[in-house]
Amino acid sequence: MSELDAEVLALMRCPVTQTALYHGSDALLQGLNQAIEAKTLTNRIGQTVAGAMEGVLVNESGEIALAIRSGIIQLIADESIAIPDTLQAGAKQ
């Protein structure tokens, strides 16, 4: 997915923490997609995340991920994903 315009991204906020959002790293995206494939990734309300992501936005602390699928950012708090500790290092691009 092509990156969002910097001005648009600067206006967006995490629906959980209300902090700034950043593009997630390729390593994070790959790790999250592997966890989705293994059916080990859950969202905030405990549902197993299904369907690979084409991109990911990360909140300021690097702890919450928002999926991008079909060019649409999932900005619903309940659908946000707590980034596993093993993937948090270097989550932001």
Protein backbone atom coordinates (compact mmCIF):
# COMPACT_ATOMS: atom_id res chain seq x y z
CA MET A 1 0.00 0.00 0.00
CA SER A 2 1.25 3.47 -0.74
CA GLU A 3 1.84 5.56 2.33
CA LEU A 4 -0.72 8.13 3.41
CA ASP A 5 -0.04 11.77 2.74
CA ALA A 6 1.94 13.15 5.70
CA GLU A 7 -0.60 15.92 6.29
CA VAL A 8 -3.50 13.46 6.45
CA LEU A 9 -1.60 11.11 8.74
CA ALA A 10 -0.76 14.03 11.06
CA LEU A 11 -4.49 14.62 11.58
CA MET A 12 -5.30 11.02 12.45
CA ARG A 13 -5.30 9.68 16.02
CA CYS A 14 -5.36 6.24 17.58
CA PRO A 15 -8.96 5.42 18.54
CA VAL A 16 -7.77 3.90 21.83
CA THR A 17 -5.06 6.26 23.11
CA GLN A 18 -5.82 9.40 21.06
CA THR A 19 -2.09 9.64 20.20
CA ALA A 20 -0.47 10.18 16.81
CA LEU A 21 -0.27 7.34 14.29
CA TYR A 22 2.72 6.24 12.22
CA HIS A 23 3.28 3.74 9.45
CA GLY A 24 4.30 0.37 10.84
CA SER A 25 7.56 -1.19 9.70
CA ASP A 26 7.71 -3.95 7.09
CA ALA A 27 9.03 -6.31 9.78
CA LEU A 28 6.01 -5.57 11.98
CA LEU A 29 3.59 -6.10 9.09
CA GLN A 30 5.24 -9.41 8.25
CA GLY A 31 5.18 -10.55 11.88
CA LEU A 32 1.52 -9.62 12.34
CA ASN A 33 0.55 -11.38 9.11
CA GLN A 34 2.41 -14.51 10.26
CA ALA A 35 0.48 -14.43 13.55
CA ILE A 36 -2.79 -13.98 11.62
CA GLU A 37 -1.94 -16.99 9.46
CA ALA A 38 -1.15 -19.02 12.59
CA LYS A 39 -4.45 -17.83 14.13
CA THR A 40 -2.65 -16.54 17.24
CA LEU A 41 -3.41 -12.80 16.91
CA THR A 42 -6.45 -11.28 18.63
CA ASN A 43 -7.99 -7.82 18.68
CA ARG A 44 -8.89 -5.73 21.75
CA ILE A 45 -12.08 -7.67 22.40
CA GLY A 46 -10.47 -11.08 22.07
CA GLN A 47 -11.58 -12.03 18.57
CA THR A 48 -9.08 -13.88 16.42
CA VAL A 49 -7.87 -11.55 13.67
CA ALA A 50 -8.56 -12.96 10.19
CA GLY A 51 -7.34 -11.82 6.81
CA ALA A 52 -3.87 -10.60 5.97
CA MET A 53 -3.07 -6.90 6.24
CA GLU A 54 -1.62 -4.91 3.38
CA GLY A 55 -0.37 -2.23 5.74
CA VAL A 56 -0.45 -1.22 9.39
CA LEU A 57 -0.54 1.99 11.40
CA VAL A 58 0.97 2.10 14.88
CA ASN A 59 0.21 4.42 17.77
CA GLU A 60 2.83 6.71 19.32
CA SER A 61 3.94 4.21 21.97
CA GLY A 62 4.25 1.39 19.42
CA GLU A 63 1.86 -0.84 21.38
CA ILE A 64 -1.31 -0.70 19.26
CA ALA A 65 -1.70 -1.61 15.59
CA LEU A 66 -4.48 -0.65 13.20
CA ALA A 67 -4.89 -2.85 10.15
CA ILE A 68 -5.07 -1.54 6.60
CA ARG A 69 -7.02 -3.79 4.25
CA SER A 70 -8.14 -2.97 0.72
CA GLY A 71 -6.82 0.55 1.29
CA ILE A 72 -9.11 1.09 4.30
CA ILE A 73 -7.71 1.82 7.76
CA GLN A 74 -9.55 -0.02 10.52
CA LEU A 75 -10.06 2.89 12.95
CA ILE A 76 -12.47 1.06 15.26
CA ALA A 77 -11.11 0.74 18.82
CA ASP A 78 -12.45 -2.81 19.29
CA GLU A 79 -10.65 -3.93 16.12
CA SER A 80 -7.29 -2.53 17.20
CA ILE A 81 -4.53 -5.02 17.95
CA ALA A 82 -2.19 -5.05 20.92
CA ILE A 83 1.20 -5.57 19.30
CA PRO A 84 2.88 -8.64 20.83
CA ASP A 85 5.96 -7.78 22.91
CA THR A 86 8.15 -9.76 20.51
CA LEU A 87 7.18 -7.41 17.64
CA GLN A 88 7.18 -4.05 19.47
CA ALA A 89 10.88 -3.26 18.94
CA GLY A 90 11.12 -1.26 15.73
CA ALA A 91 7.36 -1.25 15.13
CA LYS A 92 7.42 2.23 13.57
CA GLN A 93 9.05 3.06 10.26
